[in-house]
Amino acid sequence: MTEPRSEQNTEDILLPPKRIREIMDTLPHRYPFILVDRVTELIQGKRIKGYKNVTINEPFFQGHFPGDPIMPGVLQLEALAQLGVLLLSTVPQGQGKLAVFAGMENVRFRRMVTPGDRFDMECILTKLRPPIGKMSCKAYVDGELTIEADITCSLLNRA
């Protein structure tokens, strides 16, 4: 089992931020389902930070809920999972693999996310035992916690 925490004797490798084109090179998702706009901080195999700009133009706001738009909780989880996939792509065991959402635990919704919010996300890799990676994830709006969850992804061979 690999412990990707700071107890390792290796130096942290800070990778450059990623813009949407680089994100799309890694994630298989496309509009309207790509839910990460930018990666702002990335420490290889340890931690990633990024965000999604939530706008009234999101297709899910047409039905959730007209007149009182709220970003669905399942899409908040999906956004965190997508950010986690970007983190898993930085470890040798994740390169060239398709990382898929495999589970979630300890999910807590703390605040609603609405149009105009910047959904700031962070994932910390807590366990990597291929083909499984586990992450502790949180998201914030204006510094206020909106959601927290432990997310599991499975690394699969690409077709």
C-alpha atoms as a PDB file:
ATOM      1  CA  MET A   1       0.000   0.000   0.000  1.00  0.00           C
ATOM      2  CA  THR A   2       1.302   3.436  -0.888  1.00  0.00           C
ATOM      3  CA  GLU A   3       0.916   6.143   1.682  1.00  0.00           C
ATOM      4  CA  PRO A   4       0.981   9.444  -0.235  1.00  0.00           C
ATOM      5  CA  ARG A   5       1.250  11.551   2.912  1.00  0.00           C
ATOM      6  CA  SER A   6       4.110  13.815   3.934  1.00  0.00           C
ATOM      7  CA  GLU A   7       5.625  11.020   6.059  1.00  0.00           C
ATOM      8  CA  GLN A   8       7.435   9.918   2.905  1.00  0.00           C
ATOM      9  CA  ASN A   9      11.024  11.087   2.606  1.00  0.00           C
ATOM     10  CA  THR A  10      10.519  12.457  -0.913  1.00  0.00           C
ATOM     11  CA  GLU A  11      10.184  16.096  -1.849  1.00  0.00           C
ATOM     12  CA  ASP A  12       6.783  17.432  -2.824  1.00  0.00           C
ATOM     13  CA  ILE A  13       6.589  18.004  -6.573  1.00  0.00           C
ATOM     14  CA  LEU A  14       4.563  21.124  -7.317  1.00  0.00           C
ATOM     15  CA  LEU A  15       3.111  20.909 -10.827  1.00  0.00           C
ATOM     16  CA  PRO A  16       1.907  23.925 -12.822  1.00  0.00           C
ATOM     17  CA  PRO A  17      -1.760  24.978 -12.723  1.00  0.00           C
ATOM     18  CA  LYS A  18      -4.014  23.582 -15.455  1.00  0.00           C
ATOM     19  CA  ARG A  19      -6.398  25.503 -17.660  1.00  0.00           C
ATOM     20  CA  ILE A  20      -9.445  23.990 -19.338  1.00  0.00           C
ATOM     21  CA  ARG A  21      -7.623  22.679 -22.439  1.00  0.00           C
ATOM     22  CA  GLU A  22      -5.154  20.741 -20.272  1.00  0.00           C
ATOM     23  CA  ILE A  23      -7.993  19.492 -18.085  1.00  0.00           C
ATOM     24  CA  MET A  24      -9.806  18.237 -21.194  1.00  0.00           C
ATOM     25  CA  ASP A  25      -6.645  16.407 -22.275  1.00  0.00           C
ATOM     26  CA  THR A  26      -6.954  14.299 -19.087  1.00  0.00           C
ATOM     27  CA  LEU A  27     -10.697  14.044 -18.394  1.00  0.00           C
ATOM     28  CA  PRO A  28     -12.936  12.209 -20.862  1.00  0.00           C
ATOM     29  CA  HIS A  29     -15.866  14.510 -19.960  1.00  0.00           C
ATOM     30  CA  ARG A  30     -17.174  17.200 -22.296  1.00  0.00           C
ATOM     31  CA  TYR A  31     -19.853  19.889 -22.189  1.00  0.00           C
ATOM     32  CA  PRO A  32     -22.195  19.915 -20.407  1.00  0.00           C
ATOM     33  CA  PHE A  33     -20.621  17.447 -17.997  1.00  0.00           C
ATOM     34  CA  ILE A  34     -17.097  18.752 -17.442  1.00  0.00           C
ATOM     35  CA  LEU A  35     -17.249  20.306 -13.983  1.00  0.00           C
ATOM     36  CA  VAL A  36     -13.701  21.602 -13.393  1.00  0.00           C
ATOM     37  CA  ASP A  37     -12.765  24.936 -14.962  1.00  0.00           C
ATOM     38  CA  ARG A  38      -9.260  25.356 -13.587  1.00  0.00           C
ATOM     39  CA  VAL A  39      -6.653  23.630 -11.416  1.00  0.00           C
ATOM     40  CA  THR A  40      -4.954  26.219  -9.210  1.00  0.00           C
ATOM     41  CA  GLU A  41      -2.590  24.042  -7.170  1.00  0.00           C
ATOM     42  CA  LEU A  42      -1.282  20.545  -7.767  1.00  0.00           C
ATOM     43  CA  ILE A  43       1.199  18.598  -5.671  1.00  0.00           C
ATOM     44  CA  GLN A  44       1.966  15.390  -7.531  1.00  0.00           C
ATOM     45  CA  GLY A  45       0.250  12.395  -5.927  1.00  0.00           C
ATOM     46  CA  LYS A  46      -0.754  14.339  -2.814  1.00  0.00           C
ATOM     47  CA  ARG A  47      -3.139  17.278  -3.201  1.00  0.00           C
ATOM     48  CA  ILE A  48      -5.019  19.259  -5.807  1.00  0.00           C
ATOM     49  CA  LYS A  49      -7.059  22.464  -5.697  1.00  0.00           C
ATOM     50  CA  GLY A  50      -9.304  23.844  -8.400  1.00  0.00           C
ATOM     51  CA  TYR A  51     -12.643  25.453  -9.065  1.00  0.00           C
ATOM     52  CA  LYS A  52     -15.811  25.529 -11.108  1.00  0.00           C
ATOM     53  CA  ASN A  53     -17.488  28.819 -11.924  1.00  0.00           C
ATOM     54  CA  VAL A  54     -21.204  28.218 -11.405  1.00  0.00           C
ATOM     55  CA  THR A  55     -23.323  30.279 -13.794  1.00  0.00           C
ATOM     56  CA  ILE A  56     -27.032  30.612 -14.429  1.00  0.00           C
ATOM     57  CA  ASN A  57     -26.342  29.193 -17.920  1.00  0.00           C
ATOM     58  CA  GLU A  58     -25.733  25.682 -16.510  1.00  0.00           C
ATOM     59  CA  PRO A  59     -28.272  23.324 -18.139  1.00  0.00           C
ATOM     60  CA  PHE A  60     -29.210  21.718 -14.809  1.00  0.00           C
ATOM     61  CA  PHE A  61     -30.636  25.012 -13.504  1.00  0.00           C
ATOM     62  CA  GLN A  62     -33.528  24.724 -15.991  1.00  0.00           C
ATOM     63  CA  GLY A  63     -35.041  22.036 -13.784  1.00  0.00           C
ATOM     64  CA  HIS A  64     -33.232  22.379 -10.407  1.00  0.00           C
ATOM     65  CA  PHE A  65     -35.106  24.519  -9.446  1.00  0.00           C
ATOM     66  CA  PRO A  66     -36.784  27.084 -11.711  1.00  0.00           C
ATOM     67  CA  GLY A  67     -37.026  30.352  -9.810  1.00  0.00           C
ATOM     68  CA  ASP A  68     -34.723  29.109  -7.021  1.00  0.00           C
ATOM     69  CA  PRO A  69     -31.648  27.578  -8.726  1.00  0.00           C
ATOM     70  CA  ILE A  70     -29.419  25.282  -6.645  1.00  0.00           C
ATOM     71  CA  MET A  71     -26.506  23.197  -7.942  1.00  0.00           C
ATOM     72  CA  PRO A  72     -27.504  19.551  -7.390  1.00  0.00           C
ATOM     73  CA  GLY A  73     -25.538  17.749  -4.682  1.00  0.00           C
ATOM     74  CA  VAL A  74     -24.733  14.841  -6.994  1.00  0.00           C
ATOM     75  CA  LEU A  75     -23.065  17.275  -9.403  1.00  0.00           C
ATOM     76  CA  GLN A  76     -21.063  18.773  -6.542  1.00  0.00           C
ATOM     77  CA  LEU A  77     -19.830  15.246  -5.795  1.00  0.00           C
ATOM     78  CA  GLU A  78     -19.102  14.647  -9.477  1.00  0.00           C
ATOM     79  CA  ALA A  79     -17.067  17.874  -9.650  1.00  0.00           C
ATOM     80  CA  LEU A  80     -14.997  16.709  -6.669  1.00  0.00           C
ATOM     81  CA  ALA A  81     -14.536  13.282  -8.276  1.00  0.00           C
ATOM     82  CA  GLN A  82     -13.373  14.884 -11.541  1.00  0.00           C
ATOM     83  CA  LEU A  83     -10.829  16.954  -9.627  1.00  0.00           C
ATOM     84  CA  GLY A  84      -9.705  13.763  -7.879  1.00  0.00           C
ATOM     85  CA  VAL A  85      -9.230  12.051 -11.249  1.00  0.00           C
ATOM     86  CA  LEU A  86      -6.877  14.875 -12.238  1.00  0.00           C
ATOM     87  CA  LEU A  87      -4.892  14.186  -9.060  1.00  0.00           C
ATOM     88  CA  LEU A  88      -4.768  10.437  -9.723  1.00  0.00           C
ATOM     89  CA  SER A  89      -3.467  11.124 -13.227  1.00  0.00           C
ATOM     90  CA  THR A  90      -0.248  12.503 -11.672  1.00  0.00           C
ATOM     91  CA  VAL A  91       0.823   9.210 -10.076  1.00  0.00           C
ATOM     92  CA  PRO A  92       2.589   6.563 -12.192  1.00  0.00           C
ATOM     93  CA  GLN A  93      -0.172   4.005 -11.473  1.00  0.00           C
ATOM     94  CA  GLY A  94      -2.798   6.424 -12.847  1.00  0.00           C
ATOM     95  CA  GLN A  95      -1.086   7.552 -16.040  1.00  0.00           C
ATOM     96  CA  GLY A  96      -2.838   6.312 -19.145  1.00  0.00           C
ATOM     97  CA  LYS A  97      -5.708   4.890 -17.072  1.00  0.00           C
ATOM     98  CA  LEU A  98      -9.374   5.777 -17.017  1.00  0.00           C
ATOM     99  CA  ALA A  99     -10.276   6.727 -13.451  1.00  0.00           C
ATOM    100  CA  VAL A 100     -13.963   6.270 -12.644  1.00  0.00           C
ATOM    101  CA  PHE A 101     -16.073   7.194  -9.645  1.00  0.00           C
ATOM    102  CA  ALA A 102     -16.320   4.050  -7.481  1.00  0.00           C
ATOM    103  CA  GLY A 103     -17.792   5.228  -4.209  1.00  0.00           C
ATOM    104  CA  MET A 104     -18.405   7.933  -1.638  1.00  0.00           C
ATOM    105  CA  GLU A 105     -18.548   7.970   2.126  1.00  0.00           C
ATOM    106  CA  ASN A 106     -19.050  10.526   4.878  1.00  0.00           C
ATOM    107  CA  VAL A 107     -20.843  12.931   2.527  1.00  0.00           C
ATOM    108  CA  ARG A 108     -22.103  16.078   4.203  1.00  0.00           C
ATOM    109  CA  PHE A 109     -23.753  19.048   2.497  1.00  0.00           C
ATOM    110  CA  ARG A 110     -23.199  22.244   4.484  1.00  0.00           C
ATOM    111  CA  ARG A 111     -24.364  25.099   2.248  1.00  0.00           C
ATOM    112  CA  MET A 112     -26.228  25.570  -1.042  1.00  0.00           C
ATOM    113  CA  VAL A 113     -24.328  26.404  -4.219  1.00  0.00           C
ATOM    114  CA  THR A 114     -26.114  28.886  -6.484  1.00  0.00           C
ATOM    115  CA  PRO A 115     -25.465  30.783  -9.723  1.00  0.00           C
ATOM    116  CA  GLY A 116     -22.637  33.284  -9.414  1.00  0.00           C
ATOM    117  CA  ASP A 117     -20.699  31.153  -6.913  1.00  0.00           C
ATOM    118  CA  ARG A 118     -17.127  30.036  -7.426  1.00  0.00           C
ATOM    119  CA  PHE A 119     -17.076  26.416  -6.256  1.00  0.00           C
ATOM    120  CA  ASP A 120     -13.539  26.028  -4.829  1.00  0.00           C
ATOM    121  CA  MET A 121     -12.506  22.388  -4.415  1.00  0.00           C
ATOM    122  CA  GLU A 122      -9.689  20.445  -2.787  1.00  0.00           C
ATOM    123  CA  CYS A 123      -8.834  16.737  -2.832  1.00  0.00           C
ATOM    124  CA  ILE A 124      -6.137  15.039  -0.761  1.00  0.00           C
ATOM    125  CA  LEU A 125      -5.024  11.546  -1.754  1.00  0.00           C
ATOM    126  CA  THR A 126      -5.299   9.450   1.410  1.00  0.00           C
ATOM    127  CA  LYS A 127      -4.743   5.943   0.052  1.00  0.00           C
ATOM    128  CA  LEU A 128      -3.512   4.432  -3.178  1.00  0.00           C
ATOM    129  CA  ARG A 129      -3.629   0.704  -3.672  1.00  0.00           C
ATOM    130  CA  PRO A 130      -4.116   0.158  -7.394  1.00  0.00           C
ATOM    131  CA  PRO A 131      -6.556  -0.090  -8.891  1.00  0.00           C
ATOM    132  CA  ILE A 132      -8.189   1.917  -6.065  1.00  0.00           C
ATOM    133  CA  GLY A 133      -7.485   5.482  -4.961  1.00  0.00           C
ATOM    134  CA  LYS A 134      -9.199   7.212  -2.041  1.00  0.00           C
ATOM    135  CA  MET A 135      -9.396  10.937  -1.438  1.00  0.00           C
ATOM    136  CA  SER A 136     -10.635  13.299   1.214  1.00  0.00           C
ATOM    137  CA  CYS A 137     -12.449  16.119  -0.600  1.00  0.00           C
ATOM    138  CA  LYS A 138     -13.976  19.443   0.382  1.00  0.00           C
ATOM    139  CA  ALA A 139     -15.486  22.385  -1.458  1.00  0.00           C
ATOM    140  CA  TYR A 140     -16.074  25.969  -0.432  1.00  0.00           C
ATOM    141  CA  VAL A 141     -17.888  29.077  -1.598  1.00  0.00           C
ATOM    142  CA  ASP A 142     -16.457  32.356  -0.305  1.00  0.00           C
ATOM    143  CA  GLY A 143     -14.399  30.381   2.228  1.00  0.00           C
ATOM    144  CA  GLU A 144     -17.484  28.661   3.654  1.00  0.00           C
ATOM    145  CA  LEU A 145     -17.594  24.846   3.552  1.00  0.00           C
ATOM    146  CA  THR A 146     -20.306  23.621   1.168  1.00  0.00           C
ATOM    147  CA  ILE A 147     -19.625  19.877   0.929  1.00  0.00           C
ATOM    148  CA  GLU A 148     -17.198  17.299   2.271  1.00  0.00           C
ATOM    149  CA  ALA A 149     -16.811  13.678   1.226  1.00  0.00           C
ATOM    150  CA  ASP A 150     -14.423  10.761   1.030  1.00  0.00           C
ATOM    151  CA  ILE A 151     -14.343   9.680  -2.610  1.00  0.00           C
ATOM    152  CA  THR A 152     -13.082   6.417  -4.078  1.00  0.00           C
ATOM    153  CA  CYS A 153     -12.002   6.048  -7.703  1.00  0.00           C
ATOM    154  CA  SER A 154     -11.054   2.948  -9.632  1.00  0.00           C
ATOM    155  CA  LEU A 155      -8.239   2.984 -12.194  1.00  0.00           C
ATOM    156  CA  LEU A 156      -9.195   1.040 -15.331  1.00  0.00           C
ATOM    157  CA  ASN A 157      -7.378   0.233 -18.533  1.00  0.00           C
ATOM    158  CA  ARG A 158      -8.594   2.443 -21.368  1.00  0.00           C
ATOM    159  CA  ALA A 159     -10.458   0.750 -24.226  1.00  0.00           C
END
